Amino acid sequence: MSHASPEKAFLVSWEELHRNSKALAWRLMDMGAWKGVVAIARGGLVPAAIVARELEIRLVDTVCIASYDDHKALGQQGRLTVLKGVPGDGEGLLVVDDLVDSGVTAKAVREMLPKAHIATVYAKPRGRPMVDTFITEVSQDTWIYFPWDLEAQPVQPLVLARKPR
């Protein structure tokens, strides 16, 4: 996917991410007795921590997969590289990520941990079939900016912004 136009940009605040991650935990609460949470690093680290806290799960691990190359254009998914996995078949594990986009990463995790339950905060249509649970669906051509991708910037008042310079 190429860089989304500003109309298709979805900015997520820390508060919104926390609220949606907590909603994900709420949805997962009665689905099973989870042995542990596995975050898909890096995007899944914050949502996984929130879910683990809300579900009182103390065993937290990571699957580390690189699929977006920082040197490529924004949104260009590259070759998948598994940097770290977890042992076993995923029985009793809850895998958490921030987003399922194309489903490529989720598919790789599903192959590694076929018995795990995969949950994401956000889901796009192409990747949705690869996850078991999600909270919010966004269109495939929307680029989500997570709070760690943003920083506060000063802006002009509206009246000044529209005046010709």
N, C-alpha and C. Protein backbone atom coordinates (compact mmCIF):
# COMPACT_ATOMS: atom_id res chain seq x y z
N MET A 1 0.84 -1.18 0.00
CA MET A 1 0.00 0.00 0.00
C MET A 1 0.88 1.23 0.00
N SER A 2 0.57 2.20 -0.82
CA SER A 2 1.33 3.44 -0.83
C SER A 2 0.79 4.37 0.24
N HIS A 3 1.52 5.44 0.49
CA HIS A 3 1.13 6.40 1.51
C HIS A 3 -0.29 6.88 1.26
N ALA A 4 -1.11 6.85 2.30
CA ALA A 4 -2.51 7.26 2.18
C ALA A 4 -2.61 8.77 2.08
N SER A 5 -3.65 9.22 1.38
CA SER A 5 -3.91 10.65 1.33
C SER A 5 -4.39 11.11 2.70
N PRO A 6 -4.30 12.41 3.01
CA PRO A 6 -4.73 12.89 4.32
C PRO A 6 -6.18 12.51 4.66
N GLU A 7 -7.03 12.37 3.65
CA GLU A 7 -8.42 12.00 3.89
C GLU A 7 -8.53 10.56 4.41
N LYS A 8 -7.52 9.76 4.12
CA LYS A 8 -7.54 8.36 4.54
C LYS A 8 -6.57 8.08 5.67
N ALA A 9 -6.13 9.13 6.34
CA ALA A 9 -5.26 8.97 7.49
C ALA A 9 -6.12 8.89 8.75
N PHE A 10 -5.80 7.95 9.63
CA PHE A 10 -6.54 7.75 10.87
C PHE A 10 -5.55 7.89 12.01
N LEU A 11 -5.64 8.99 12.76
CA LEU A 11 -4.73 9.26 13.86
C LEU A 11 -5.31 8.71 15.15
N VAL A 12 -4.53 7.90 15.84
CA VAL A 12 -4.97 7.26 17.07
C VAL A 12 -4.21 7.87 18.24
N SER A 13 -4.94 8.40 19.21
CA SER A 13 -4.31 8.99 20.40
C SER A 13 -3.99 7.88 21.41
N TRP A 14 -3.16 8.21 22.39
CA TRP A 14 -2.85 7.25 23.46
C TRP A 14 -4.13 6.85 24.19
N GLU A 15 -5.01 7.81 24.44
CA GLU A 15 -6.26 7.51 25.15
C GLU A 15 -7.14 6.56 24.35
N GLU A 16 -7.23 6.82 23.03
CA GLU A 16 -8.05 5.96 22.18
C GLU A 16 -7.47 4.55 22.10
N LEU A 17 -6.16 4.45 21.98
CA LEU A 17 -5.53 3.13 21.93
C LEU A 17 -5.77 2.37 23.23
N HIS A 18 -5.65 3.07 24.35
CA HIS A 18 -5.89 2.44 25.65
C HIS A 18 -7.33 1.97 25.76
N ARG A 19 -8.27 2.82 25.38
CA ARG A 19 -9.69 2.47 25.46
C ARG A 19 -10.01 1.27 24.57
N ASN A 20 -9.48 1.26 23.34
CA ASN A 20 -9.75 0.15 22.42
C ASN A 20 -9.04 -1.13 22.84
N SER A 21 -7.86 -1.02 23.42
CA SER A 21 -7.16 -2.20 23.92
C SER A 21 -7.91 -2.79 25.12
N LYS A 22 -8.44 -1.93 25.96
CA LYS A 22 -9.24 -2.39 27.10
C LYS A 22 -10.54 -3.04 26.61
N ALA A 23 -11.13 -2.50 25.55
CA ALA A 23 -12.32 -3.12 24.95
C ALA A 23 -11.98 -4.50 24.39
N LEU A 24 -10.78 -4.64 23.83
CA LEU A 24 -10.33 -5.94 23.33
C LEU A 24 -10.23 -6.92 24.50
N ALA A 25 -9.65 -6.49 25.60
CA ALA A 25 -9.55 -7.35 26.79
C ALA A 25 -10.94 -7.76 27.27
N TRP A 26 -11.86 -6.83 27.27
CA TRP A 26 -13.23 -7.10 27.70
C TRP A 26 -13.84 -8.21 26.83
N ARG A 27 -13.62 -8.10 25.53
CA ARG A 27 -14.16 -9.09 24.59
C ARG A 27 -13.52 -10.46 24.79
N LEU A 28 -12.24 -10.48 25.18
CA LEU A 28 -11.49 -11.73 25.33
C LEU A 28 -11.67 -12.38 26.70
N MET A 29 -12.21 -11.63 27.65
CA MET A 29 -12.24 -12.05 29.04
C MET A 29 -12.89 -13.42 29.26
N ASP A 30 -13.98 -13.69 28.62
CA ASP A 30 -14.70 -14.94 28.85
C ASP A 30 -14.45 -15.99 27.78
N MET A 31 -13.45 -15.79 26.94
CA MET A 31 -13.18 -16.72 25.85
C MET A 31 -12.28 -17.89 26.25
N GLY A 32 -11.63 -17.79 27.38
CA GLY A 32 -10.76 -18.89 27.77
C GLY A 32 -9.91 -18.54 28.96
N ALA A 33 -9.24 -19.56 29.46
CA ALA A 33 -8.28 -19.37 30.55
C ALA A 33 -6.91 -19.26 29.89
N TRP A 34 -6.50 -18.04 29.60
CA TRP A 34 -5.27 -17.82 28.88
C TRP A 34 -4.06 -18.12 29.74
N LYS A 35 -3.10 -18.87 29.18
CA LYS A 35 -1.85 -19.17 29.88
C LYS A 35 -0.88 -18.00 29.79
N GLY A 36 -0.98 -17.24 28.72
CA GLY A 36 -0.07 -16.13 28.53
C GLY A 36 -0.46 -15.28 27.35
N VAL A 37 0.18 -14.12 27.27
CA VAL A 37 -0.03 -13.19 26.17
C VAL A 37 1.27 -13.12 25.37
N VAL A 38 1.15 -13.14 24.06
CA VAL A 38 2.30 -12.97 23.18
C VAL A 38 2.04 -11.72 22.34
N ALA A 39 2.90 -10.72 22.51
CA ALA A 39 2.80 -9.49 21.73
C ALA A 39 3.56 -9.67 20.42
N ILE A 40 2.98 -9.21 19.32
CA ILE A 40 3.71 -9.16 18.06
C ILE A 40 4.44 -7.82 18.06
N ALA A 41 5.76 -7.89 18.21
CA ALA A 41 6.56 -6.68 18.33
C ALA A 41 6.84 -6.10 16.95
N ARG A 42 6.75 -4.78 16.90
CA ARG A 42 6.69 -3.83 17.97
C ARG A 42 5.28 -3.30 18.21
N GLY A 43 4.46 -3.24 17.19
CA GLY A 43 3.15 -2.60 17.32
C GLY A 43 2.25 -3.21 18.36
N GLY A 44 2.38 -4.49 18.63
CA GLY A 44 1.51 -5.15 19.59
C GLY A 44 1.95 -5.02 21.03
N LEU A 45 3.11 -4.42 21.29
CA LEU A 45 3.63 -4.34 22.66
C LEU A 45 2.70 -3.58 23.60
N VAL A 46 2.26 -2.40 23.21
CA VAL A 46 1.41 -1.59 24.09
C VAL A 46 0.03 -2.23 24.26
N PRO A 47 -0.66 -2.61 23.17
CA PRO A 47 -1.96 -3.27 23.38
C PRO A 47 -1.84 -4.56 24.19
N ALA A 48 -0.78 -5.34 23.98
CA ALA A 48 -0.60 -6.59 24.74
C ALA A 48 -0.41 -6.31 26.23
N ALA A 49 0.33 -5.26 26.56
CA ALA A 49 0.53 -4.90 27.97
C ALA A 49 -0.80 -4.53 28.61
N ILE A 50 -1.62 -3.79 27.89
CA ILE A 50 -2.92 -3.38 28.42
C ILE A 50 -3.83 -4.59 28.59
N VAL A 51 -3.88 -5.46 27.59
CA VAL A 51 -4.70 -6.67 27.66
C VAL A 51 -4.22 -7.56 28.81
N ALA A 52 -2.90 -7.74 28.94
CA ALA A 52 -2.36 -8.58 30.01
C ALA A 52 -2.73 -8.02 31.38
N ARG A 53 -2.68 -6.71 31.53
CA ARG A 53 -3.05 -6.09 32.79
C ARG A 53 -4.52 -6.31 33.10
N GLU A 54 -5.36 -6.05 32.11
CA GLU A 54 -6.81 -6.16 32.33
C GLU A 54 -7.25 -7.60 32.60
N LEU A 55 -6.54 -8.57 32.04
CA LEU A 55 -6.91 -9.97 32.24
C LEU A 55 -6.08 -10.63 33.34
N GLU A 56 -5.23 -9.84 34.02
CA GLU A 56 -4.38 -10.34 35.11
C GLU A 56 -3.52 -11.51 34.65
N ILE A 57 -2.93 -11.35 33.46
CA ILE A 57 -2.03 -12.36 32.92
C ILE A 57 -0.60 -11.87 33.15
N ARG A 58 0.19 -12.69 33.83
CA ARG A 58 1.56 -12.30 34.18
C ARG A 58 2.61 -12.81 33.20
N LEU A 59 2.28 -13.85 32.45
CA LEU A 59 3.23 -14.40 31.48
C LEU A 59 3.06 -13.65 30.16
N VAL A 60 4.05 -12.84 29.82
CA VAL A 60 4.00 -12.05 28.60
C VAL A 60 5.29 -12.31 27.82
N ASP A 61 5.14 -12.61 26.54
CA ASP A 61 6.29 -12.90 25.69
C ASP A 61 6.11 -12.13 24.39
N THR A 62 7.07 -12.26 23.49
CA THR A 62 6.98 -11.58 22.20
C THR A 62 7.34 -12.50 21.05
N VAL A 63 6.69 -12.23 19.94
CA VAL A 63 7.11 -12.75 18.64
C VAL A 63 7.61 -11.51 17.91
N CYS A 64 8.83 -11.56 17.42
CA CYS A 64 9.41 -10.39 16.78
C CYS A 64 9.53 -10.64 15.28
N ILE A 65 8.79 -9.85 14.51
CA ILE A 65 8.74 -10.00 13.07
C ILE A 65 8.95 -8.63 12.44
N ALA A 66 9.83 -8.56 11.48
CA ALA A 66 10.05 -7.32 10.73
C ALA A 66 9.44 -7.50 9.34
N SER A 67 8.55 -6.58 8.99
CA SER A 67 7.94 -6.66 7.65
C SER A 67 7.88 -5.31 6.96
N TYR A 68 8.08 -4.22 7.69
CA TYR A 68 8.10 -2.90 7.09
C TYR A 68 9.52 -2.38 7.18
N ASP A 69 10.11 -2.07 6.04
CA ASP A 69 11.48 -1.57 5.99
C ASP A 69 11.43 -0.05 6.08
N ASP A 70 12.08 0.50 7.09
CA ASP A 70 12.06 1.95 7.30
C ASP A 70 12.64 2.73 6.12
N HIS A 71 13.43 2.07 5.28
CA HIS A 71 14.06 2.77 4.16
C HIS A 71 13.16 2.80 2.93
N LYS A 72 12.06 2.08 2.98
CA LYS A 72 11.13 2.09 1.85
C LYS A 72 10.08 3.17 2.07
N ALA A 73 9.29 3.41 1.06
CA ALA A 73 8.21 4.39 1.20
C ALA A 73 7.24 3.94 2.27
N LEU A 74 6.65 4.91 2.96
CA LEU A 74 5.70 4.62 4.02
C LEU A 74 4.62 3.67 3.50
N GLY A 75 4.39 2.61 4.24
CA GLY A 75 3.32 1.70 3.88
C GLY A 75 3.73 0.58 2.95
N GLN A 76 4.97 0.53 2.54
CA GLN A 76 5.44 -0.53 1.66
C GLN A 76 5.89 -1.71 2.50
N GLN A 77 5.13 -2.79 2.47
CA GLN A 77 5.50 -3.96 3.25
C GLN A 77 6.55 -4.75 2.48
N GLY A 78 7.62 -5.08 3.16
CA GLY A 78 8.70 -5.83 2.55
C GLY A 78 8.62 -7.31 2.88
N ARG A 79 9.76 -7.99 2.72
CA ARG A 79 9.86 -9.41 3.01
C ARG A 79 9.77 -9.62 4.52
N LEU A 80 9.07 -10.66 4.92
CA LEU A 80 8.88 -10.99 6.33
C LEU A 80 10.14 -11.64 6.89
N THR A 81 10.60 -11.16 8.03
CA THR A 81 11.74 -11.75 8.71
C THR A 81 11.35 -12.04 10.15
N VAL A 82 11.38 -13.30 10.54
CA VAL A 82 11.09 -13.68 11.92
C VAL A 82 12.39 -13.54 12.71
N LEU A 83 12.39 -12.63 13.67
CA LEU A 83 13.57 -12.37 14.48
C LEU A 83 13.55 -13.18 15.78
N LYS A 84 12.34 -13.49 16.27
CA LYS A 84 12.18 -14.25 17.51
C LYS A 84 10.80 -14.88 17.53
N GLY A 85 10.74 -16.14 17.85
CA GLY A 85 9.47 -16.84 18.01
C GLY A 85 9.27 -17.25 19.45
N VAL A 86 8.25 -18.06 19.69
CA VAL A 86 8.02 -18.65 21.01
C VAL A 86 7.84 -20.15 20.82
N PRO A 87 8.22 -20.93 21.82
CA PRO A 87 8.10 -22.39 21.68
C PRO A 87 6.65 -22.86 21.76
N GLY A 88 6.41 -24.04 21.23
CA GLY A 88 5.09 -24.66 21.33
C GLY A 88 4.20 -24.37 20.15
N ASP A 89 2.94 -24.82 20.29
CA ASP A 89 1.97 -24.67 19.22
C ASP A 89 0.95 -23.56 19.48
N GLY A 90 1.12 -22.85 20.59
CA GLY A 90 0.23 -21.73 20.90
C GLY A 90 -0.95 -22.10 21.77
N GLU A 91 -1.07 -23.34 22.16
CA GLU A 91 -2.19 -23.78 23.02
C GLU A 91 -2.29 -22.88 24.25
N GLY A 92 -3.45 -22.24 24.44
CA GLY A 92 -3.70 -21.38 25.59
C GLY A 92 -3.09 -19.99 25.52
N LEU A 93 -2.46 -19.68 24.39
CA LEU A 93 -1.83 -18.36 24.26
C LEU A 93 -2.72 -17.39 23.51
N LEU A 94 -2.66 -16.15 23.94
CA LEU A 94 -3.38 -15.05 23.32
C LEU A 94 -2.33 -14.18 22.64
N VAL A 95 -2.37 -14.11 21.32
CA VAL A 95 -1.43 -13.29 20.55
C VAL A 95 -2.11 -11.96 20.26
N VAL A 96 -1.42 -10.86 20.57
CA VAL A 96 -2.00 -9.53 20.43
C VAL A 96 -1.12 -8.66 19.52
N ASP A 97 -1.78 -7.96 18.61
CA ASP A 97 -1.11 -6.99 17.75
C ASP A 97 -1.97 -5.74 17.67
N ASP A 98 -1.36 -4.64 17.22
CA ASP A 98 -2.11 -3.40 17.07
C ASP A 98 -3.06 -3.46 15.89
N LEU A 99 -2.60 -4.07 14.78
CA LEU A 99 -3.33 -4.00 13.52
C LEU A 99 -3.07 -5.24 12.67
N VAL A 100 -4.10 -5.72 12.01
CA VAL A 100 -3.91 -6.68 10.92
C VAL A 100 -4.24 -5.92 9.65
N ASP A 101 -3.27 -5.84 8.74
CA ASP A 101 -3.41 -5.07 7.51
C ASP A 101 -3.63 -6.03 6.35
N SER A 102 -2.56 -6.52 5.77
CA SER A 102 -2.68 -7.48 4.66
C SER A 102 -2.91 -8.89 5.16
N GLY A 103 -2.55 -9.14 6.41
CA GLY A 103 -2.67 -10.48 6.98
C GLY A 103 -1.40 -11.30 6.87
N VAL A 104 -0.37 -10.77 6.24
CA VAL A 104 0.87 -11.51 6.03
C VAL A 104 1.53 -11.86 7.36
N THR A 105 1.65 -10.89 8.25
CA THR A 105 2.27 -11.15 9.56
C THR A 105 1.42 -12.11 10.37
N ALA A 106 0.11 -11.88 10.41
CA ALA A 106 -0.78 -12.76 11.16
C ALA A 106 -0.73 -14.19 10.62
N LYS A 107 -0.62 -14.33 9.31
CA LYS A 107 -0.52 -15.67 8.72
C LYS A 107 0.76 -16.37 9.18
N ALA A 108 1.86 -15.63 9.21
CA ALA A 108 3.13 -16.21 9.67
C ALA A 108 3.03 -16.64 11.13
N VAL A 109 2.38 -15.83 11.96
CA VAL A 109 2.21 -16.17 13.37
C VAL A 109 1.27 -17.37 13.50
N ARG A 110 0.24 -17.40 12.70
CA ARG A 110 -0.70 -18.54 12.72
C ARG A 110 0.02 -19.84 12.36
N GLU A 111 0.95 -19.77 11.42
CA GLU A 111 1.71 -20.96 11.05
C GLU A 111 2.64 -21.39 12.19
N MET A 112 3.22 -20.42 12.91
CA MET A 112 4.11 -20.71 14.04
C MET A 112 3.34 -21.26 15.24
N LEU A 113 2.17 -20.65 15.50
CA LEU A 113 1.37 -20.96 16.69
C LEU A 113 -0.06 -21.28 16.28
N PRO A 114 -0.28 -22.43 15.65
CA PRO A 114 -1.60 -22.73 15.08
C PRO A 114 -2.75 -22.82 16.09
N LYS A 115 -2.45 -23.08 17.35
CA LYS A 115 -3.52 -23.20 18.35
C LYS A 115 -3.73 -21.92 19.16
N ALA A 116 -2.99 -20.89 18.85
CA ALA A 116 -3.13 -19.61 19.57
C ALA A 116 -4.37 -18.86 19.08
N HIS A 117 -4.84 -17.96 19.92
CA HIS A 117 -5.95 -17.06 19.57
C HIS A 117 -5.31 -15.72 19.21
N ILE A 118 -5.52 -15.25 17.99
CA ILE A 118 -4.93 -13.99 17.53
C ILE A 118 -5.96 -12.88 17.61
N ALA A 119 -5.58 -11.80 18.31
CA ALA A 119 -6.47 -10.66 18.50
C ALA A 119 -5.75 -9.37 18.16
N THR A 120 -6.45 -8.47 17.49
CA THR A 120 -5.89 -7.16 17.16
C THR A 120 -6.87 -6.06 17.55
N VAL A 121 -6.33 -4.89 17.75
CA VAL A 121 -7.18 -3.74 18.06
C VAL A 121 -7.88 -3.27 16.79
N TYR A 122 -7.12 -3.15 15.70
CA TYR A 122 -7.67 -2.67 14.43
C TYR A 122 -7.50 -3.75 13.37
N ALA A 123 -8.43 -3.78 12.41
CA ALA A 123 -8.37 -4.77 11.34
C ALA A 123 -8.80 -4.12 10.02
N LYS A 124 -8.07 -4.48 8.97
CA LYS A 124 -8.44 -4.08 7.61
C LYS A 124 -9.04 -5.30 6.92
N PRO A 125 -9.90 -5.10 5.92
CA PRO A 125 -10.62 -6.21 5.30
C PRO A 125 -9.75 -7.36 4.80
N ARG A 126 -8.61 -7.07 4.17
CA ARG A 126 -7.78 -8.16 3.63
C ARG A 126 -7.20 -9.05 4.73
N GLY A 127 -6.89 -8.46 5.88
CA GLY A 127 -6.28 -9.23 6.95
C GLY A 127 -7.25 -9.81 7.95
N ARG A 128 -8.47 -9.32 7.94
CA ARG A 128 -9.48 -9.74 8.93
C ARG A 128 -9.65 -11.24 9.05
N PRO A 129 -9.66 -12.01 7.96
CA PRO A 129 -9.84 -13.46 8.11
C PRO A 129 -8.71 -14.16 8.87
N MET A 130 -7.57 -13.49 9.04
CA MET A 130 -6.43 -14.11 9.71
C MET A 130 -6.47 -13.96 11.23
N VAL A 131 -7.39 -13.14 11.76
CA VAL A 131 -7.47 -12.95 13.21
C VAL A 131 -8.78 -13.50 13.75
N ASP A 132 -8.75 -13.86 15.01
CA ASP A 132 -9.94 -14.42 15.66
C ASP A 132 -10.82 -13.35 16.27
N THR A 133 -10.20 -12.28 16.77
CA THR A 133 -10.94 -11.22 17.45
C THR A 133 -10.30 -9.88 17.12
N PHE A 134 -11.13 -8.87 16.92
CA PHE A 134 -10.64 -7.49 16.74
C PHE A 134 -11.71 -6.54 17.24
N ILE A 135 -11.35 -5.27 17.38
CA ILE A 135 -12.29 -4.27 17.88
C ILE A 135 -12.82 -3.36 16.79
N THR A 136 -11.94 -2.73 16.03
CA THR A 136 -12.35 -1.70 15.07
C THR A 136 -11.87 -2.04 13.67
N GLU A 137 -12.76 -1.99 12.70
CA GLU A 137 -12.38 -2.20 11.30
C GLU A 137 -12.22 -0.86 10.61
N VAL A 138 -11.14 -0.76 9.81
CA VAL A 138 -10.91 0.43 9.00
C VAL A 138 -10.74 -0.02 7.56
N SER A 139 -10.96 0.89 6.61
CA SER A 139 -10.86 0.52 5.20
C SER A 139 -9.42 0.17 4.84
N GLN A 140 -9.27 -0.63 3.80
CA GLN A 140 -7.95 -1.11 3.38
C GLN A 140 -7.02 0.04 2.99
N ASP A 141 -7.59 1.12 2.45
CA ASP A 141 -6.75 2.23 1.98
C ASP A 141 -6.52 3.31 3.04
N THR A 142 -6.83 3.01 4.29
CA THR A 142 -6.59 3.94 5.39
C THR A 142 -5.23 3.64 6.02
N TRP A 143 -4.44 4.66 6.27
CA TRP A 143 -3.18 4.49 6.97
C TRP A 143 -3.40 4.92 8.41
N ILE A 144 -3.13 4.02 9.35
CA ILE A 144 -3.31 4.31 10.77
C ILE A 144 -1.99 4.83 11.34
N TYR A 145 -2.07 6.00 11.95
CA TYR A 145 -0.92 6.57 12.65
C TYR A 145 -1.13 6.31 14.14
N PHE A 146 -0.28 5.46 14.70
CA PHE A 146 -0.37 5.15 16.12
C PHE A 146 0.32 6.23 16.93
N PRO A 147 0.02 6.30 18.24
CA PRO A 147 0.58 7.40 19.05
C PRO A 147 2.10 7.45 19.03
N TRP A 148 2.76 6.32 18.88
CA TRP A 148 4.22 6.33 18.84
C TRP A 148 4.75 6.86 17.51
N ASP A 149 3.87 7.04 16.52
CA ASP A 149 4.26 7.62 15.24
C ASP A 149 4.06 9.13 15.20
N LEU A 150 3.47 9.69 16.26
CA LEU A 150 3.06 11.10 16.27
C LEU A 150 3.74 11.86 17.39
N GLU A 151 3.78 13.16 17.24
CA GLU A 151 4.18 14.04 18.33
C GLU A 151 3.38 15.32 18.20
N ALA A 152 3.19 15.98 19.33
CA ALA A 152 2.42 17.23 19.33
C ALA A 152 3.15 18.30 18.55
N GLN A 153 2.41 19.03 17.74
CA GLN A 153 2.96 20.11 16.93
C GLN A 153 2.09 21.35 17.10
N PRO A 154 2.69 22.53 17.17
CA PRO A 154 1.86 23.74 17.22
C PRO A 154 1.18 23.96 15.87
N VAL A 155 -0.03 24.48 15.92
CA VAL A 155 -0.76 24.78 14.69
C VAL A 155 -1.28 26.21 14.74
N GLN A 156 -1.48 26.80 13.57
CA GLN A 156 -2.03 28.14 13.46
C GLN A 156 -3.51 28.12 13.83
N PRO A 157 -4.02 29.19 14.45
CA PRO A 157 -5.46 29.30 14.62
C PRO A 157 -6.14 29.26 13.25
N LEU A 158 -7.33 28.77 13.17
CA LEU A 158 -8.05 28.61 11.90
C LEU A 158 -8.10 29.90 11.10
N VAL A 159 -8.39 31.00 11.75
CA VAL A 159 -8.54 32.27 11.05
C VAL A 159 -7.21 32.69 10.40
N LEU A 160 -6.10 32.41 11.06
CA LEU A 160 -4.79 32.77 10.50
C LEU A 160 -4.39 31.80 9.39
N ALA A 161 -4.78 30.57 9.51
CA ALA A 161 -4.41 29.56 8.52
C ALA A 161 -5.04 29.80 7.16
N ARG A 162 -6.20 30.45 7.12
CA ARG A 162 -6.86 30.66 5.82
C ARG A 162 -6.51 31.98 5.17
N LYS A 163 -5.84 32.89 5.87
CA LYS A 163 -5.45 34.17 5.29
C LYS A 163 -4.31 33.98 4.31
N PRO A 164 -4.37 34.65 3.14
CA PRO A 164 -3.24 34.55 2.20
C PRO A 164 -2.02 35.21 2.80
N ARG A 165 -0.87 34.68 2.48
CA ARG A 165 0.38 35.21 3.04
C ARG A 165 1.00 36.20 2.12
